[in-house]
Amino acid sequence: MGGEEFAVLLPETDLQRATEVAERLREETAHAVVTSVTGMPLNFTVSIGVTSLEGKDIDLNTLINQADGALYQAKESGRNRVCLA
């Protein structure tokens, strides 16, 4: 992760619920009303990659790589979307 990327960990959350949280974050971000210091409206979106440890025996690096792959899939698919690993 780097640049404009960050991770959100949701302990005790299954993939379905994590996807719902990500989708809500995406929707709220797209509808946020933000203005610049000069008063100009700023519109922005977020692309999100979601994965889960649920039922998997993988390490943290693998988990991050899965989420990162899903993030790039979201970006390549047109941005402003949630994709699952």
PDB file of N, CA and C in Angstrom:
ATOM      1  N   MET A   1       0.844  -1.176   0.000  1.00  0.00           N
ATOM      2  CA  MET A   1       0.000   0.000   0.000  1.00  0.00           C
ATOM      3  C   MET A   1       0.887   1.236   0.000  1.00  0.00           C
ATOM      4  N   GLY A   2       0.420   2.223  -0.695  1.00  0.00           N
ATOM      5  CA  GLY A   2       1.176   3.457  -0.734  1.00  0.00           C
ATOM      6  C   GLY A   2       0.393   4.521  -1.463  1.00  0.00           C
ATOM      7  N   GLY A   3       0.928   5.703  -1.453  1.00  0.00           N
ATOM      8  CA  GLY A   3       0.263   6.790  -2.161  1.00  0.00           C
ATOM      9  C   GLY A   3      -1.093   7.081  -1.571  1.00  0.00           C
ATOM     10  N   GLU A   4      -2.116   6.866  -2.347  1.00  0.00           N
ATOM     11  CA  GLU A   4      -3.484   7.173  -1.924  1.00  0.00           C
ATOM     12  C   GLU A   4      -4.214   5.949  -1.384  1.00  0.00           C
ATOM     13  N   GLU A   5      -3.493   4.890  -1.090  1.00  0.00           N
ATOM     14  CA  GLU A   5      -4.116   3.651  -0.624  1.00  0.00           C
ATOM     15  C   GLU A   5      -3.995   3.518   0.885  1.00  0.00           C
ATOM     16  N   PHE A   6      -5.012   2.890   1.489  1.00  0.00           N
ATOM     17  CA  PHE A   6      -4.977   2.587   2.911  1.00  0.00           C
ATOM     18  C   PHE A   6      -5.809   1.338   3.138  1.00  0.00           C
ATOM     19  N   ALA A   7      -5.655   0.734   4.295  1.00  0.00           N
ATOM     20  CA  ALA A   7      -6.390  -0.482   4.636  1.00  0.00           C
ATOM     21  C   ALA A   7      -7.328  -0.209   5.801  1.00  0.00           C
ATOM     22  N   VAL A   8      -8.452  -0.898   5.788  1.00  0.00           N
ATOM     23  CA  VAL A   8      -9.403  -0.871   6.898  1.00  0.00           C
ATOM     24  C   VAL A   8      -9.601  -2.315   7.332  1.00  0.00           C
ATOM     25  N   LEU A   9      -9.337  -2.608   8.588  1.00  0.00           N
ATOM     26  CA  LEU A   9      -9.532  -3.952   9.124  1.00  0.00           C
ATOM     27  C   LEU A   9     -10.849  -3.992   9.878  1.00  0.00           C
ATOM     28  N   LEU A  10     -11.641  -5.010   9.614  1.00  0.00           N
ATOM     29  CA  LEU A  10     -12.945  -5.165  10.259  1.00  0.00           C
ATOM     30  C   LEU A  10     -12.975  -6.510  10.987  1.00  0.00           C
ATOM     31  N   PRO A  11     -12.459  -6.551  12.219  1.00  0.00           N
ATOM     32  CA  PRO A  11     -12.441  -7.809  12.974  1.00  0.00           C
ATOM     33  C   PRO A  11     -13.849  -8.373  13.161  1.00  0.00           C
ATOM     34  N   GLU A  12     -13.929  -9.683  13.181  1.00  0.00           N
ATOM     35  CA  GLU A  12     -15.199 -10.382  13.418  1.00  0.00           C
ATOM     36  C   GLU A  12     -16.267 -10.002  12.387  1.00  0.00           C
ATOM     37  N   THR A  13     -15.851  -9.728  11.152  1.00  0.00           N
ATOM     38  CA  THR A  13     -16.778  -9.326  10.098  1.00  0.00           C
ATOM     39  C   THR A  13     -16.612 -10.271   8.922  1.00  0.00           C
ATOM     40  N   ASP A  14     -17.703 -10.907   8.490  1.00  0.00           N
ATOM     41  CA  ASP A  14     -17.600 -11.813   7.348  1.00  0.00           C
ATOM     42  C   ASP A  14     -17.544 -11.027   6.038  1.00  0.00           C
ATOM     43  N   LEU A  15     -17.297 -11.727   4.938  1.00  0.00           N
ATOM     44  CA  LEU A  15     -17.113 -11.080   3.645  1.00  0.00           C
ATOM     45  C   LEU A  15     -18.357 -10.320   3.204  1.00  0.00           C
ATOM     46  N   GLN A  16     -19.528 -10.877   3.452  1.00  0.00           N
ATOM     47  CA  GLN A  16     -20.766 -10.200   3.055  1.00  0.00           C
ATOM     48  C   GLN A  16     -20.915  -8.870   3.786  1.00  0.00           C
ATOM     49  N   ARG A  17     -20.717  -8.872   5.078  1.00  0.00           N
ATOM     50  CA  ARG A  17     -20.858  -7.638   5.861  1.00  0.00           C
ATOM     51  C   ARG A  17     -19.757  -6.634   5.502  1.00  0.00           C
ATOM     52  N   ALA A  18     -18.532  -7.116   5.288  1.00  0.00           N
ATOM     53  CA  ALA A  18     -17.442  -6.220   4.891  1.00  0.00           C
ATOM     54  C   ALA A  18     -17.751  -5.563   3.548  1.00  0.00           C
ATOM     55  N   THR A  19     -18.350  -6.314   2.651  1.00  0.00           N
ATOM     56  CA  THR A  19     -18.740  -5.765   1.349  1.00  0.00           C
ATOM     57  C   THR A  19     -19.819  -4.705   1.516  1.00  0.00           C
ATOM     58  N   GLU A  20     -20.766  -4.942   2.406  1.00  0.00           N
ATOM     59  CA  GLU A  20     -21.812  -3.949   2.679  1.00  0.00           C
ATOM     60  C   GLU A  20     -21.207  -2.666   3.245  1.00  0.00           C
ATOM     61  N   VAL A  21     -20.253  -2.800   4.155  1.00  0.00           N
ATOM     62  CA  VAL A  21     -19.585  -1.630   4.734  1.00  0.00           C
ATOM     63  C   VAL A  21     -18.833  -0.871   3.641  1.00  0.00           C
ATOM     64  N   ALA A  22     -18.124  -1.591   2.796  1.00  0.00           N
ATOM     65  CA  ALA A  22     -17.371  -0.956   1.709  1.00  0.00           C
ATOM     66  C   ALA A  22     -18.301  -0.239   0.738  1.00  0.00           C
ATOM     67  N   GLU A  23     -19.411  -0.860   0.411  1.00  0.00           N
ATOM     68  CA  GLU A  23     -20.367  -0.243  -0.515  1.00  0.00           C
ATOM     69  C   GLU A  23     -20.970   1.020   0.094  1.00  0.00           C
ATOM     70  N   ARG A  24     -21.260   0.986   1.377  1.00  0.00           N
ATOM     71  CA  ARG A  24     -21.798   2.184   2.027  1.00  0.00           C
ATOM     72  C   ARG A  24     -20.760   3.306   2.028  1.00  0.00           C
ATOM     73  N   LEU A  25     -19.512   2.974   2.303  1.00  0.00           N
ATOM     74  CA  LEU A  25     -18.440   3.962   2.263  1.00  0.00           C
ATOM     75  C   LEU A  25     -18.309   4.553   0.859  1.00  0.00           C
ATOM     76  N   ARG A  26     -18.387   3.709  -0.163  1.00  0.00           N
ATOM     77  CA  ARG A  26     -18.301   4.173  -1.544  1.00  0.00           C
ATOM     78  C   ARG A  26     -19.435   5.137  -1.863  1.00  0.00           C
ATOM     79  N   GLU A  27     -20.660   4.763  -1.489  1.00  0.00           N
ATOM     80  CA  GLU A  27     -21.827   5.609  -1.767  1.00  0.00           C
ATOM     81  C   GLU A  27     -21.749   6.940  -1.021  1.00  0.00           C
ATOM     82  N   GLU A  28     -21.411   6.895   0.261  1.00  0.00           N
ATOM     83  CA  GLU A  28     -21.329   8.122   1.056  1.00  0.00           C
ATOM     84  C   GLU A  28     -20.240   9.057   0.526  1.00  0.00           C
ATOM     85  N   THR A  29     -19.123   8.489   0.103  1.00  0.00           N
ATOM     86  CA  THR A  29     -18.044   9.306  -0.456  1.00  0.00           C
ATOM     87  C   THR A  29     -18.487   9.988  -1.740  1.00  0.00           C
ATOM     88  N   ALA A  30     -19.152   9.253  -2.609  1.00  0.00           N
ATOM     89  CA  ALA A  30     -19.599   9.807  -3.894  1.00  0.00           C
ATOM     90  C   ALA A  30     -20.623  10.925  -3.713  1.00  0.00           C
ATOM     91  N   HIS A  31     -21.396  10.867  -2.622  1.00  0.00           N
ATOM     92  CA  HIS A  31     -22.432  11.871  -2.389  1.00  0.00           C
ATOM     93  C   HIS A  31     -22.001  12.986  -1.436  1.00  0.00           C
ATOM     94  N   ALA A  32     -20.770  12.914  -0.954  1.00  0.00           N
ATOM     95  CA  ALA A  32     -20.279  13.928  -0.015  1.00  0.00           C
ATOM     96  C   ALA A  32     -20.202  15.292  -0.695  1.00  0.00           C
ATOM     97  N   VAL A  33     -20.575  16.321   0.039  1.00  0.00           N
ATOM     98  CA  VAL A  33     -20.489  17.694  -0.463  1.00  0.00           C
ATOM     99  C   VAL A  33     -19.236  18.322   0.142  1.00  0.00           C
ATOM    100  N   VAL A  34     -18.255  18.555  -0.715  1.00  0.00           N
ATOM    101  CA  VAL A  34     -16.978  19.108  -0.276  1.00  0.00           C
ATOM    102  C   VAL A  34     -16.657  20.301  -1.166  1.00  0.00           C
ATOM    103  N   THR A  35     -16.175  21.373  -0.546  1.00  0.00           N
ATOM    104  CA  THR A  35     -15.780  22.546  -1.329  1.00  0.00           C
ATOM    105  C   THR A  35     -14.323  22.884  -1.054  1.00  0.00           C
ATOM    106  N   SER A  36     -13.676  23.444  -2.056  1.00  0.00           N
ATOM    107  CA  SER A  36     -12.281  23.865  -1.906  1.00  0.00           C
ATOM    108  C   SER A  36     -12.233  25.163  -1.106  1.00  0.00           C
ATOM    109  N   VAL A  37     -11.040  25.612  -0.788  1.00  0.00           N
ATOM    110  CA  VAL A  37     -10.893  26.865  -0.043  1.00  0.00           C
ATOM    111  C   VAL A  37     -11.399  28.053  -0.847  1.00  0.00           C
ATOM    112  N   THR A  38     -11.486  27.910  -2.159  1.00  0.00           N
ATOM    113  CA  THR A  38     -12.013  28.986  -3.009  1.00  0.00           C
ATOM    114  C   THR A  38     -13.517  28.867  -3.226  1.00  0.00           C
ATOM    115  N   GLY A  39     -14.123  27.837  -2.611  1.00  0.00           N
ATOM    116  CA  GLY A  39     -15.562  27.656  -2.725  1.00  0.00           C
ATOM    117  C   GLY A  39     -16.015  26.797  -3.889  1.00  0.00           C
ATOM    118  N   MET A  40     -15.073  26.272  -4.657  1.00  0.00           N
ATOM    119  CA  MET A  40     -15.422  25.409  -5.789  1.00  0.00           C
ATOM    120  C   MET A  40     -15.805  24.023  -5.278  1.00  0.00           C
ATOM    121  N   PRO A  41     -16.866  23.428  -5.829  1.00  0.00           N
ATOM    122  CA  PRO A  41     -17.243  22.080  -5.410  1.00  0.00           C
ATOM    123  C   PRO A  41     -16.206  21.052  -5.862  1.00  0.00           C
ATOM    124  N   LEU A  42     -15.915  20.111  -4.993  1.00  0.00           N
ATOM    125  CA  LEU A  42     -14.979  19.031  -5.297  1.00  0.00           C
ATOM    126  C   LEU A  42     -15.749  17.719  -5.300  1.00  0.00           C
ATOM    127  N   ASN A  43     -15.683  17.016  -6.391  1.00  0.00           N
ATOM    128  CA  ASN A  43     -16.323  15.706  -6.488  1.00  0.00           C
ATOM    129  C   ASN A  43     -15.237  14.638  -6.505  1.00  0.00           C
ATOM    130  N   PHE A  44     -15.437  13.595  -5.746  1.00  0.00           N
ATOM    131  CA  PHE A  44     -14.480  12.504  -5.767  1.00  0.00           C
ATOM    132  C   PHE A  44     -15.181  11.195  -5.466  1.00  0.00           C
ATOM    133  N   THR A  45     -14.518  10.112  -5.837  1.00  0.00           N
ATOM    134  CA  THR A  45     -15.053   8.773  -5.628  1.00  0.00           C
ATOM    135  C   THR A  45     -13.972   7.915  -4.990  1.00  0.00           C
ATOM    136  N   VAL A  46     -14.348   6.705  -4.646  1.00  0.00           N
ATOM    137  CA  VAL A  46     -13.405   5.767  -4.049  1.00  0.00           C
ATOM    138  C   VAL A  46     -13.616   4.394  -4.687  1.00  0.00           C
ATOM    139  N   SER A  47     -12.515   3.720  -4.946  1.00  0.00           N
ATOM    140  CA  SER A  47     -12.543   2.336  -5.408  1.00  0.00           C
ATOM    141  C   SER A  47     -12.048   1.479  -4.253  1.00  0.00           C
ATOM    142  N   ILE A  48     -12.700   0.332  -4.032  1.00  0.00           N
ATOM    143  CA  ILE A  48     -12.397  -0.470  -2.848  1.00  0.00           C
ATOM    144  C   ILE A  48     -12.227  -1.936  -3.231  1.00  0.00           C
ATOM    145  N   GLY A  49     -11.174  -2.546  -2.696  1.00  0.00           N
ATOM    146  CA  GLY A  49     -10.961  -3.983  -2.825  1.00  0.00           C
ATOM    147  C   GLY A  49     -11.227  -4.637  -1.483  1.00  0.00           C
ATOM    148  N   VAL A  50     -12.024  -5.698  -1.491  1.00  0.00           N
ATOM    149  CA  VAL A  50     -12.427  -6.368  -0.251  1.00  0.00           C
ATOM    150  C   VAL A  50     -11.984  -7.830  -0.288  1.00  0.00           C
ATOM    151  N   THR A  51     -11.458  -8.295   0.820  1.00  0.00           N
ATOM    152  CA  THR A  51     -11.144  -9.707   0.984  1.00  0.00           C
ATOM    153  C   THR A  51     -11.425 -10.097   2.430  1.00  0.00           C
ATOM    154  N   SER A  52     -11.284 -11.370   2.737  1.00  0.00           N
ATOM    155  CA  SER A  52     -11.590 -11.847   4.082  1.00  0.00           C
ATOM    156  C   SER A  52     -10.673 -13.003   4.453  1.00  0.00           C
ATOM    157  N   LEU A  53     -10.382 -13.112   5.740  1.00  0.00           N
ATOM    158  CA  LEU A  53      -9.652 -14.264   6.273  1.00  0.00           C
ATOM    159  C   LEU A  53     -10.559 -15.465   6.477  1.00  0.00           C
ATOM    160  N   GLU A  54     -11.842 -15.226   6.478  1.00  0.00           N
ATOM    161  CA  GLU A  54     -12.837 -16.242   6.811  1.00  0.00           C
ATOM    162  C   GLU A  54     -12.608 -17.548   6.042  1.00  0.00           C
ATOM    163  N   GLY A  55     -12.341 -18.617   6.788  1.00  0.00           N
ATOM    164  CA  GLY A  55     -12.168 -19.937   6.195  1.00  0.00           C
ATOM    165  C   GLY A  55     -10.860 -20.128   5.446  1.00  0.00           C
ATOM    166  N   LYS A  56      -9.923 -19.202   5.592  1.00  0.00           N
ATOM    167  CA  LYS A  56      -8.649 -19.289   4.877  1.00  0.00           C
ATOM    168  C   LYS A  56      -7.505 -19.420   5.870  1.00  0.00           C
ATOM    169  N   ASP A  57      -6.476 -20.123   5.471  1.00  0.00           N
ATOM    170  CA  ASP A  57      -5.265 -20.230   6.275  1.00  0.00           C
ATOM    171  C   ASP A  57      -4.160 -19.494   5.522  1.00  0.00           C
ATOM    172  N   ILE A  58      -4.178 -18.153   5.612  1.00  0.00           N
ATOM    173  CA  ILE A  58      -3.211 -17.334   4.887  1.00  0.00           C
ATOM    174  C   ILE A  58      -2.594 -16.304   5.824  1.00  0.00           C
ATOM    175  N   ASP A  59      -1.446 -15.779   5.415  1.00  0.00           N
ATOM    176  CA  ASP A  59      -0.780 -14.771   6.241  1.00  0.00           C
ATOM    177  C   ASP A  59      -1.235 -13.364   5.849  1.00  0.00           C
ATOM    178  N   LEU A  60      -0.808 -12.391   6.620  1.00  0.00           N
ATOM    179  CA  LEU A  60      -1.232 -11.009   6.417  1.00  0.00           C
ATOM    180  C   LEU A  60      -0.808 -10.476   5.051  1.00  0.00           C
ATOM    181  N   ASN A  61       0.412 -10.799   4.617  1.00  0.00           N
ATOM    182  CA  ASN A  61       0.867 -10.314   3.313  1.00  0.00           C
ATOM    183  C   ASN A  61      -0.011 -10.834   2.182  1.00  0.00           C
ATOM    184  N   THR A  62      -0.402 -12.083   2.248  1.00  0.00           N
ATOM    185  CA  THR A  62      -1.284 -12.654   1.229  1.00  0.00           C
ATOM    186  C   THR A  62      -2.635 -11.965   1.256  1.00  0.00           C
ATOM    187  N   LEU A  63      -3.147 -11.718   2.440  1.00  0.00           N
ATOM    188  CA  LEU A  63      -4.433 -11.034   2.584  1.00  0.00           C
ATOM    189  C   LEU A  63      -4.369  -9.635   1.965  1.00  0.00           C
ATOM    190  N   ILE A  64      -3.311  -8.901   2.251  1.00  0.00           N
ATOM    191  CA  ILE A  64      -3.143  -7.558   1.689  1.00  0.00           C
ATOM    192  C   ILE A  64      -3.018  -7.626   0.174  1.00  0.00           C
ATOM    193  N   ASN A  65      -2.270  -8.593  -0.335  1.00  0.00           N
ATOM    194  CA  ASN A  65      -2.132  -8.740  -1.785  1.00  0.00           C
ATOM    195  C   ASN A  65      -3.466  -9.050  -2.450  1.00  0.00           C
ATOM    196  N   GLN A  66      -4.307  -9.845  -1.792  1.00  0.00           N
ATOM    197  CA  GLN A  66      -5.638 -10.138  -2.337  1.00  0.00           C
ATOM    198  C   GLN A  66      -6.484  -8.871  -2.402  1.00  0.00           C
ATOM    199  N   ALA A  67      -6.478  -8.103  -1.331  1.00  0.00           N
ATOM    200  CA  ALA A  67      -7.245  -6.856  -1.310  1.00  0.00           C
ATOM    201  C   ALA A  67      -6.707  -5.878  -2.349  1.00  0.00           C
ATOM    202  N   ASP A  68      -5.398  -5.811  -2.490  1.00  0.00           N
ATOM    203  CA  ASP A  68      -4.775  -4.924  -3.468  1.00  0.00           C
ATOM    204  C   ASP A  68      -5.162  -5.327  -4.894  1.00  0.00           C
ATOM    205  N   GLY A  69      -5.193  -6.622  -5.158  1.00  0.00           N
ATOM    206  CA  GLY A  69      -5.620  -7.096  -6.475  1.00  0.00           C
ATOM    207  C   GLY A  69      -7.062  -6.724  -6.765  1.00  0.00           C
ATOM    208  N   ALA A  70      -7.921  -6.854  -5.768  1.00  0.00           N
ATOM    209  CA  ALA A  70      -9.330  -6.475  -5.938  1.00  0.00           C
ATOM    210  C   ALA A  70      -9.462  -4.970  -6.136  1.00  0.00           C
ATOM    211  N   LEU A  71      -8.637  -4.192  -5.450  1.00  0.00           N
ATOM    212  CA  LEU A  71      -8.648  -2.741  -5.626  1.00  0.00           C
ATOM    213  C   LEU A  71      -8.300  -2.371  -7.066  1.00  0.00           C
ATOM    214  N   TYR A  72      -7.247  -2.969  -7.601  1.00  0.00           N
ATOM    215  CA  TYR A  72      -6.858  -2.651  -8.977  1.00  0.00           C
ATOM    216  C   TYR A  72      -7.903  -3.125  -9.976  1.00  0.00           C
ATOM    217  N   GLN A  73      -8.583  -4.219  -9.659  1.00  0.00           N
ATOM    218  CA  GLN A  73      -9.696  -4.667 -10.505  1.00  0.00           C
ATOM    219  C   GLN A  73     -10.793  -3.601 -10.515  1.00  0.00           C
ATOM    220  N   ALA A  74     -11.086  -3.032  -9.353  1.00  0.00           N
ATOM    221  CA  ALA A  74     -12.099  -1.973  -9.262  1.00  0.00           C
ATOM    222  C   ALA A  74     -11.680  -0.758 -10.077  1.00  0.00           C
ATOM    223  N   LYS A  75     -10.420  -0.383  -9.992  1.00  0.00           N
ATOM    224  CA  LYS A  75      -9.931   0.770 -10.754  1.00  0.00           C
ATOM    225  C   LYS A  75      -9.993   0.505 -12.253  1.00  0.00           C
ATOM    226  N   GLU A  76      -9.584  -0.682 -12.668  1.00  0.00           N
ATOM    227  CA  GLU A  76      -9.572  -1.023 -14.088  1.00  0.00           C
ATOM    228  C   GLU A  76     -10.976  -1.201 -14.652  1.00  0.00           C
ATOM    229  N   SER A  77     -11.946  -1.447 -13.785  1.00  0.00           N
ATOM    230  CA  SER A  77     -13.333  -1.651 -14.224  1.00  0.00           C
ATOM    231  C   SER A  77     -14.114  -0.346 -14.302  1.00  0.00           C
ATOM    232  N   GLY A  78     -13.453   0.766 -14.109  1.00  0.00           N
ATOM    233  CA  GLY A  78     -14.125   2.052 -14.247  1.00  0.00           C
ATOM    234  C   GLY A  78     -14.142   2.904 -13.002  1.00  0.00           C
ATOM    235  N   ARG A  79     -13.530   2.447 -11.943  1.00  0.00           N
ATOM    236  CA  ARG A  79     -13.464   3.204 -10.688  1.00  0.00           C
ATOM    237  C   ARG A  79     -14.839   3.361 -10.037  1.00  0.00           C
ATOM    238  N   ASN A  80     -14.834   3.927  -8.833  1.00  0.00           N
ATOM    239  CA  ASN A  80     -16.066   4.139  -8.060  1.00  0.00           C
ATOM    240  C   ASN A  80     -16.865   2.850  -7.921  1.00  0.00           C
ATOM    241  N   ARG A  81     -16.181   1.801  -7.500  1.00  0.00           N
ATOM    242  CA  ARG A  81     -16.854   0.519  -7.304  1.00  0.00           C
ATOM    243  C   ARG A  81     -16.142  -0.306  -6.244  1.00  0.00           C
ATOM    244  N   VAL A  82     -16.808  -1.361  -5.809  1.00  0.00           N
ATOM    245  CA  VAL A  82     -16.271  -2.309  -4.841  1.00  0.00           C
ATOM    246  C   VAL A  82     -16.074  -3.632  -5.562  1.00  0.00           C
ATOM    247  N   CYS A  83     -14.882  -4.219  -5.445  1.00  0.00           N
ATOM    248  CA  CYS A  83     -14.610  -5.533  -6.027  1.00  0.00           C
ATOM    249  C   CYS A  83     -14.111  -6.472  -4.935  1.00  0.00           C
ATOM    250  N   LEU A  84     -14.435  -7.743  -5.079  1.00  0.00           N
ATOM    251  CA  LEU A  84     -14.065  -8.759  -4.096  1.00  0.00           C
ATOM    252  C   LEU A  84     -12.907  -9.604  -4.591  1.00  0.00           C
ATOM    253  N   ALA A  85     -12.052 -10.001  -3.646  1.00  0.00           N
ATOM    254  CA  ALA A  85     -10.945 -10.904  -3.977  1.00  0.00           C
ATOM    255  C   ALA A  85     -11.407 -12.331  -3.800  1.00  0.00           C
TER     256      ALA A  85
END
